[in-house]
Amino acid sequence: MSGFFIGNISGITRLRIDGRELMSTPGLEFFDSQIKDRAFCDLFPENAEKNAGFVSINDCLDSDFITEKTLLGDYRTFSLRIDRRAIPASSLKIKVLEATKKRLQETDRKRLYRHEREELRDSVKLALLKTIPPVTDIYDVAINTTTGAVYFSCVSNKAIQELLDIFKDAFKIVLQPYDVVDVDYLRKNELSPLTIGREFMTWLWFKSEQKDGWICINREDYAVNFTRRIALESGEGDYTETVVCSGRKSDLNEAKEAVRQGKKVKEARLRIEKDGAAWEFGYKGDSFQFQSVKLPMSADIEENETPEGRNLERLFMMAAITETMDELLRMFVTLRLSPEWPDEFSAMLSWAAEP
C-alpha cells in the first residue's frame, strides 16, 4: 500500500483534532512522549491475532521515535503499522476435529464436555497462531499542527476505526470527522448532508463541460475534467440502482442518460490543472475521500533537493488538491442556496438532455 511520499497515494481520508491539544508547545511535548508509548513492538502477543503500533513514516522497521523523525514543516508525520494473523476457518475446523478425535481415543470416550471442547479449540487455535506469519498493513498519518487537519492514507472504514482507537488510546484525543461544510448549516437550510456530495459531483461534472472545464476559484483559474470513470446512483437499500461508465469523454453518453433518469454522481475520476500542474484522483461524493491520487511534480523541486524537502512538497501538493475540492464544494453550496440556483439547475437539465 503506497503512502504519502512514494508514487500514487492509494487513499486520503481527512479527520481533525478538535481544539489545539496537539498544536501548542506542551501538546507537542505530550505527543513526543505518547507516541513512544504506543510504538510498534515486534514481540507479537502470544494469543493475539493483531499487533498494532506507530512506526516511522520513512521506515516501517523503525519505532525509535525522536522529535526529528516526526517533525516535517508544519506537520507531524508517522505511520500506523498493523500486523494480523488470520487462521482460515476450514483449517481451524479440521485441526479441532483431529484433536477431538485424538482426545476421545486417549480417554476411550464418545464425546467431550462443553468446557473441554472450548479448551481444546483454544489450544488448537493458539498452536496454529504460532505457525502463521503475520500480514502487515502500513498507513501513513500526517497532522497539520497549524490547522489541526489529520490526513490518513486509507479510505477503508475498518482501517479508519483502527486509527481512531489507537489514537484515542495513545493521545487521549478523539479524532473528529472533517466536515467541509457545517452539517448543522446544511440542515438549517434544508439541504441533506447525506446527498449534498452527490449533488455537488453532478454539478461539477456539468461545470467541467462548460468553457472547457475552466472554473475560477478565489480569482485563480483551474481546469476541471472528469476522466475515464463515473459511477452514478439513485434510490436506497434494496431499491438502489447504480450505473458505472468507463471510457473516454465521448463515451459517457450512458452516464448522461442516467442523469436524465434522476441518478447522481457518486464517484468519479477527475483531473484538475492549475498553472501547468495536474492532479489526477478518484473522488467519493458520499464521504469526500480521495483515491489513487497522482500528484504533480513541482517545477520548484531541484534534483539536489533533500528527501525532507521533497516529502514536504508532496504534503503541500496533497493539501492543495483537497483544499481545492473543498472550495469547489463550498462554491456549490453557496450557489445551491442562492437565487441563481433555479437558472443553474435549468442549464444542467438542458446539458443532460444533450446527446
Protein backbone atom coordinates (compact mmCIF):
# COMPACT_ATOMS: atom_id res chain seq x y z
CA MET A 1 0.00 0.00 0.00
CA SER A 2 1.52 3.30 -1.06
CA GLY A 3 1.87 6.14 1.43
CA PHE A 4 2.18 9.89 1.14
CA PHE A 5 5.82 10.03 -0.03
CA ILE A 6 6.14 7.41 -2.80
CA GLY A 7 4.19 7.07 -6.04
CA ASN A 8 0.44 7.47 -6.17
CA ILE A 9 -1.34 7.88 -2.85
CA SER A 10 -3.80 4.99 -2.55
CA GLY A 11 -6.28 6.95 -0.47
CA ILE A 12 -6.80 10.11 1.57
CA THR A 13 -9.22 10.36 4.46
CA ARG A 14 -9.29 13.54 6.48
CA LEU A 15 -10.09 13.89 10.16
CA ARG A 16 -9.46 16.73 12.57
CA ILE A 17 -8.23 17.39 16.07
CA ASP A 18 -10.84 19.36 17.99
CA GLY A 19 -9.23 22.35 19.69
CA ARG A 20 -5.47 22.77 19.94
CA GLU A 21 -4.50 19.79 22.11
CA LEU A 22 -1.52 18.72 19.99
CA MET A 23 -0.70 22.11 18.49
CA SER A 24 0.64 24.02 21.50
CA THR A 25 4.18 23.53 22.78
CA PRO A 26 3.04 21.44 25.77
CA GLY A 27 0.85 19.46 23.41
CA LEU A 28 3.77 18.64 21.12
CA GLU A 29 5.86 17.55 24.09
CA PHE A 30 2.99 15.30 25.13
CA PHE A 31 2.87 13.98 21.56
CA ASP A 32 6.57 13.05 21.69
CA SER A 33 6.14 11.08 24.90
CA GLN A 34 2.91 9.32 23.99
CA ILE A 35 3.91 8.20 20.51
CA LYS A 36 6.84 6.35 22.08
CA ASP A 37 4.46 4.55 24.45
CA ARG A 38 2.45 3.22 21.51
CA ALA A 39 5.40 2.48 19.23
CA PHE A 40 5.15 -0.81 17.38
CA CYS A 41 6.73 -3.77 19.18
CA ASP A 42 7.98 -6.80 17.24
CA LEU A 43 7.01 -9.15 20.05
CA PHE A 44 3.63 -10.49 18.95
CA PRO A 45 1.37 -11.20 21.97
CA GLU A 46 1.19 -14.98 22.19
CA ASN A 47 -2.56 -15.44 21.78
CA ALA A 48 -3.29 -12.27 19.82
CA GLU A 49 -4.42 -12.07 16.22
CA LYS A 50 -3.43 -8.41 15.85
CA ASN A 51 -0.41 -6.33 16.82
CA ALA A 52 -0.60 -2.57 16.18
CA GLY A 53 1.57 0.45 16.88
CA PHE A 54 3.26 3.53 15.42
CA VAL A 55 6.40 3.46 13.28
CA SER A 56 8.46 6.00 11.36
CA ILE A 57 6.79 7.17 8.16
CA ASN A 58 10.08 6.58 6.34
CA ASP A 59 10.89 3.16 7.80
CA CYS A 60 8.30 0.63 8.96
CA LEU A 61 11.02 -1.16 10.96
CA ASP A 62 11.89 1.97 12.94
CA SER A 63 9.86 2.62 16.08
CA ASP A 64 12.56 4.55 17.98
CA PHE A 65 10.87 7.93 17.88
CA ILE A 66 12.66 11.20 18.34
CA THR A 67 11.20 14.61 17.51
CA GLU A 68 13.21 14.97 14.29
CA LYS A 69 11.66 11.78 12.89
CA THR A 70 8.10 13.09 13.12
CA LEU A 71 8.52 16.82 12.58
CA LEU A 72 8.26 17.99 8.96
CA GLY A 73 7.49 21.66 8.47
CA ASP A 74 4.06 22.32 9.99
CA TYR A 75 3.34 18.59 10.09
CA ARG A 76 3.83 15.71 12.47
CA THR A 77 4.19 12.55 10.39
CA PHE A 78 4.28 8.86 11.29
CA SER A 79 2.71 5.57 10.21
CA LEU A 80 0.32 3.12 11.78
CA ARG A 81 1.54 -0.45 11.41
CA ILE A 82 -0.88 -3.32 11.90
CA ASP A 83 0.22 -6.95 11.77
CA ARG A 84 -2.54 -9.57 11.62
CA ARG A 85 -2.53 -13.33 11.91
CA ALA A 86 -5.63 -14.94 10.44
CA ILE A 87 -6.42 -18.64 10.66
CA PRO A 88 -8.57 -19.96 7.79
CA ALA A 89 -11.84 -21.22 9.27
CA SER A 90 -11.59 -24.51 7.38
CA SER A 91 -8.08 -25.18 8.73
CA LEU A 92 -9.15 -24.46 12.30
CA LYS A 93 -12.17 -26.73 11.94
CA ILE A 94 -10.11 -29.66 10.64
CA LYS A 95 -7.43 -29.28 13.32
CA VAL A 96 -10.08 -29.17 16.05
CA LEU A 97 -11.69 -32.33 14.65
CA GLU A 98 -8.31 -34.07 14.61
CA ALA A 99 -7.55 -33.02 18.19
CA THR A 100 -11.02 -34.06 19.35
CA LYS A 101 -10.71 -37.49 17.75
CA LYS A 102 -7.32 -37.99 19.36
CA ARG A 103 -8.60 -36.95 22.80
CA LEU A 104 -11.58 -39.31 22.55
CA GLN A 105 -9.30 -42.19 21.61
CA GLU A 106 -6.94 -41.43 24.50
CA THR A 107 -9.78 -41.25 27.05
CA ASP A 108 -11.92 -44.03 25.49
CA ARG A 109 -14.96 -41.78 25.48
CA LYS A 110 -17.64 -40.97 22.90
CA ARG A 111 -17.89 -37.22 23.49
CA LEU A 112 -16.28 -34.32 25.35
CA TYR A 113 -17.91 -31.94 27.79
CA ARG A 114 -18.60 -28.42 26.59
CA HIS A 115 -15.80 -26.83 28.62
CA GLU A 116 -13.39 -29.47 27.26
CA ARG A 117 -14.35 -28.66 23.69
CA GLU A 118 -13.80 -24.95 24.33
CA GLU A 119 -10.41 -25.54 25.96
CA LEU A 120 -9.37 -27.85 23.13
CA ARG A 121 -10.39 -25.31 20.50
CA ASP A 122 -8.44 -22.54 22.26
CA SER A 123 -5.29 -24.65 22.50
CA VAL A 124 -5.53 -25.64 18.82
CA LYS A 125 -6.04 -22.01 17.82
CA LEU A 126 -3.05 -20.88 19.88
CA ALA A 127 -0.84 -23.57 18.33
CA LEU A 128 -1.91 -22.52 14.82
CA LEU A 129 -1.36 -18.82 15.53
CA LYS A 130 2.29 -19.55 16.37
CA THR A 131 2.82 -21.07 12.92
CA ILE A 132 1.14 -18.35 10.84
CA PRO A 133 3.28 -15.39 9.70
CA PRO A 134 1.51 -12.04 10.10
CA VAL A 135 0.24 -9.93 7.22
CA THR A 136 1.38 -6.32 7.56
CA ASP A 137 -0.52 -3.14 6.64
CA ILE A 138 1.11 0.30 6.81
CA TYR A 139 -0.94 3.51 6.84
CA ASP A 140 0.60 6.98 6.82
CA VAL A 141 -0.61 9.79 9.09
CA ALA A 142 0.17 13.50 8.73
CA ILE A 143 -1.10 16.04 11.26
CA ASN A 144 -1.04 19.70 10.30
CA THR A 145 -0.17 21.38 13.59
CA THR A 146 -1.39 24.75 12.30
CA THR A 147 -4.88 23.74 11.16
CA GLY A 148 -5.49 20.55 13.12
CA ALA A 149 -6.25 18.59 9.94
CA VAL A 150 -5.29 14.90 10.09
CA TYR A 151 -4.53 13.11 6.81
CA PHE A 152 -4.75 9.30 6.72
CA SER A 153 -3.58 7.29 3.70
CA CYS A 154 -6.58 4.95 3.52
CA VAL A 155 -10.34 5.06 2.87
CA SER A 156 -11.22 1.70 4.49
CA ASN A 157 -13.71 2.13 7.35
CA LYS A 158 -12.03 -0.70 9.24
CA ALA A 159 -8.60 0.93 8.99
CA ILE A 160 -10.02 4.33 9.95
CA GLN A 161 -11.57 2.80 13.06
CA GLU A 162 -8.20 1.23 13.91
CA LEU A 163 -6.64 4.70 13.74
CA LEU A 164 -9.41 6.26 15.86
CA ASP A 165 -8.99 3.59 18.54
CA ILE A 166 -5.21 3.67 18.82
CA PHE A 167 -5.07 7.49 18.54
CA LYS A 168 -7.52 7.82 21.42
CA ASP A 169 -5.59 5.27 23.46
CA ALA A 170 -2.24 6.94 22.77
CA PHE A 171 -3.08 10.64 22.94
CA LYS A 172 -6.37 10.67 24.89
CA ILE A 173 -7.94 12.56 21.99
CA VAL A 174 -10.96 11.57 19.93
CA LEU A 175 -10.43 12.44 16.28
CA GLN A 176 -13.46 14.16 14.76
CA PRO A 177 -14.91 13.94 11.24
CA TYR A 178 -13.58 16.55 8.84
CA ASP A 179 -16.70 18.46 7.80
CA VAL A 180 -16.02 20.61 4.75
CA VAL A 181 -19.41 22.29 5.21
CA ASP A 182 -21.02 22.54 8.63
CA VAL A 183 -23.67 19.82 8.93
CA ASP A 184 -25.97 22.00 11.07
CA TYR A 185 -25.73 24.75 8.46
CA LEU A 186 -26.85 22.35 5.75
CA ARG A 187 -29.79 21.07 7.78
CA LYS A 188 -30.80 24.61 8.73
CA ASN A 189 -31.02 25.41 5.03
CA GLU A 190 -32.90 22.17 4.27
CA LEU A 191 -30.02 20.50 2.46
CA SER A 192 -29.29 16.86 3.21
CA PRO A 193 -25.73 16.15 4.47
CA LEU A 194 -26.19 12.62 3.11
CA THR A 195 -26.82 13.67 -0.51
CA ILE A 196 -25.02 17.01 -0.83
CA GLY A 197 -21.85 15.29 -2.05
CA ARG A 198 -23.66 13.59 -4.93
CA GLU A 199 -25.42 16.81 -5.89
CA PHE A 200 -22.06 18.56 -5.84
CA MET A 201 -20.39 15.94 -8.01
CA THR A 202 -23.20 16.02 -10.56
CA TRP A 203 -23.00 19.81 -10.72
CA LEU A 204 -19.19 19.69 -11.01
CA TRP A 205 -19.43 17.29 -13.96
CA PHE A 206 -21.79 19.77 -15.63
CA LYS A 207 -19.38 22.65 -14.96
CA SER A 208 -16.45 20.61 -16.28
CA GLU A 209 -18.14 20.52 -19.68
CA GLN A 210 -18.68 24.29 -19.81
CA LYS A 211 -15.93 26.64 -21.00
CA ASP A 212 -13.55 23.67 -21.50
CA GLY A 213 -13.75 22.97 -17.79
CA TRP A 214 -12.24 26.27 -16.65
CA ILE A 215 -13.53 27.32 -13.23
CA CYS A 216 -12.42 30.37 -11.25
CA ILE A 217 -11.65 29.62 -7.59
CA ASN A 218 -10.62 32.56 -5.42
CA ARG A 219 -9.64 34.53 -8.55
CA GLU A 220 -7.46 31.72 -9.89
CA ASP A 221 -8.33 29.58 -12.90
CA TYR A 222 -8.49 25.78 -12.67
CA ALA A 223 -9.26 23.28 -15.42
CA VAL A 224 -11.56 20.54 -14.13
CA ASN A 225 -12.18 17.40 -16.18
CA PHE A 226 -13.91 14.10 -15.47
CA THR A 227 -11.90 11.22 -16.93
CA ARG A 228 -12.39 7.53 -17.62
CA ARG A 229 -14.86 6.53 -14.89
CA ILE A 230 -18.12 7.86 -13.44
CA ALA A 231 -20.43 5.97 -11.06
CA LEU A 232 -23.99 7.23 -10.63
CA GLU A 233 -26.64 6.01 -8.25
CA SER A 234 -30.25 6.57 -7.20
CA GLY A 235 -32.53 5.05 -4.58
CA GLU A 236 -31.70 3.46 -1.24
CA GLY A 237 -31.32 -0.04 0.16
CA ASP A 238 -32.91 -2.76 -1.96
CA TYR A 239 -34.09 -0.13 -4.44
CA THR A 240 -30.63 1.21 -5.25
CA GLU A 241 -29.78 1.50 -8.94
CA THR A 242 -26.19 2.03 -9.98
CA VAL A 243 -24.64 2.84 -13.35
CA VAL A 244 -20.87 2.75 -13.86
CA CYS A 245 -19.49 4.22 -17.07
CA SER A 246 -15.88 4.00 -18.17
CA GLY A 247 -14.10 5.31 -21.21
CA ARG A 248 -13.24 8.49 -22.97
CA LYS A 249 -15.20 11.69 -22.57
CA SER A 250 -17.11 10.96 -25.77
CA ASP A 251 -18.14 7.52 -24.45
CA LEU A 252 -20.07 8.78 -21.44
CA ASN A 253 -23.48 9.17 -23.09
CA GLU A 254 -24.84 6.41 -20.87
CA ALA A 255 -23.84 8.42 -17.81
CA LYS A 256 -25.75 11.47 -19.07
CA GLU A 257 -28.75 9.26 -19.68
CA ALA A 258 -28.50 8.20 -16.04
CA VAL A 259 -28.56 11.88 -15.00
CA ARG A 260 -31.69 12.37 -17.09
CA GLN A 261 -33.25 9.49 -15.15
CA GLY A 262 -32.53 11.20 -11.85
CA LYS A 263 -29.30 9.48 -10.84
CA LYS A 264 -26.49 11.49 -9.29
CA VAL A 265 -22.73 11.07 -9.46
CA LYS A 266 -21.48 9.00 -6.53
CA GLU A 267 -17.83 8.55 -7.54
CA ALA A 268 -15.66 9.76 -10.38
CA ARG A 269 -12.11 10.07 -11.65
CA LEU A 270 -11.01 13.70 -12.05
CA ARG A 271 -8.11 15.67 -13.43
CA ILE A 272 -7.54 19.21 -12.15
CA GLU A 273 -4.91 21.51 -13.63
CA LYS A 274 -3.54 24.84 -12.49
CA ASP A 275 -0.52 26.74 -13.83
CA GLY A 276 0.84 23.66 -15.59
CA ALA A 277 0.47 21.38 -12.57
CA ALA A 278 -2.02 18.48 -12.83
CA TRP A 279 -3.62 16.27 -10.19
CA GLU A 280 -5.48 13.07 -11.04
CA PHE A 281 -7.59 11.28 -8.46
CA GLY A 282 -10.75 9.40 -7.68
CA TYR A 283 -13.30 11.22 -5.52
CA LYS A 284 -16.09 9.75 -3.40
CA GLY A 285 -19.04 12.12 -3.16
CA ASP A 286 -20.60 10.42 -0.14
CA SER A 287 -17.53 10.69 2.08
CA PHE A 288 -15.37 13.34 0.35
CA GLN A 289 -12.46 10.88 0.26
CA PHE A 290 -9.72 10.69 -2.36
CA GLN A 291 -8.42 7.53 -4.05
CA SER A 292 -5.40 6.72 -6.20
CA VAL A 293 -4.09 10.28 -6.11
CA LYS A 294 -1.42 11.21 -8.63
CA LEU A 295 0.38 14.36 -7.54
CA PRO A 296 2.08 16.79 -9.92
CA MET A 297 5.82 17.17 -9.94
CA SER A 298 6.62 20.71 -8.94
CA ALA A 299 9.00 22.66 -11.14
CA ASP A 300 10.39 24.19 -7.96
CA ILE A 301 11.94 20.89 -6.85
CA GLU A 302 15.56 20.67 -7.92
CA GLU A 303 17.47 17.46 -8.46
CA ASN A 304 19.56 18.09 -5.37
CA GLU A 305 16.51 18.73 -3.19
CA THR A 306 16.69 16.90 0.15
CA PRO A 307 14.30 13.98 0.86
CA GLU A 308 12.69 16.14 3.55
CA GLY A 309 12.11 18.91 1.02
CA ARG A 310 10.51 16.52 -1.49
CA ASN A 311 8.32 14.99 1.19
CA LEU A 312 7.15 18.38 2.39
CA GLU A 313 6.39 19.36 -1.19
CA ARG A 314 4.23 16.24 -1.59
CA LEU A 315 2.30 17.10 1.57
CA PHE A 316 1.80 20.61 0.21
CA MET A 317 0.52 19.23 -3.10
CA MET A 318 -1.75 16.79 -1.29
CA ALA A 319 -3.22 19.52 0.89
CA ALA A 320 -3.62 21.78 -2.14
CA ILE A 321 -5.89 19.39 -4.03
CA THR A 322 -8.02 18.57 -1.00
CA GLU A 323 -8.47 22.28 -0.30
CA THR A 324 -9.32 22.92 -3.96
CA MET A 325 -12.11 20.34 -3.85
CA ASP A 326 -13.30 21.87 -0.58
CA GLU A 327 -13.51 25.29 -2.20
CA LEU A 328 -15.48 23.85 -5.11
CA LEU A 329 -17.91 22.21 -2.69
CA ARG A 330 -18.38 25.45 -0.79
CA MET A 331 -18.95 27.26 -4.10
CA PHE A 332 -21.67 24.76 -4.93
CA VAL A 333 -23.40 25.06 -1.54
CA THR A 334 -23.38 28.88 -1.83
CA LEU A 335 -24.84 28.66 -5.33
CA ARG A 336 -27.33 25.99 -4.27
CA LEU A 337 -28.77 28.37 -1.65
CA SER A 338 -28.73 31.46 -3.86
CA PRO A 339 -31.45 32.97 -6.09
CA GLU A 340 -29.30 31.95 -9.10
CA TRP A 341 -29.79 28.23 -8.46
CA PRO A 342 -33.04 27.78 -10.50
CA ASP A 343 -31.30 29.12 -13.61
CA GLU A 344 -28.23 26.96 -12.95
CA PHE A 345 -30.40 23.87 -12.45
CA SER A 346 -32.28 24.61 -15.67
CA ALA A 347 -28.96 24.82 -17.51
CA MET A 348 -27.94 21.47 -16.02
CA LEU A 349 -31.14 19.85 -17.28
CA SER A 350 -30.52 21.24 -20.76
CA TRP A 351 -26.95 19.89 -20.66
CA ALA A 352 -28.15 16.47 -19.56
CA ALA A 353 -30.63 16.41 -22.46
CA GLU A 354 -27.88 16.93 -24.99
CA PRO A 355 -26.70 13.78 -26.82
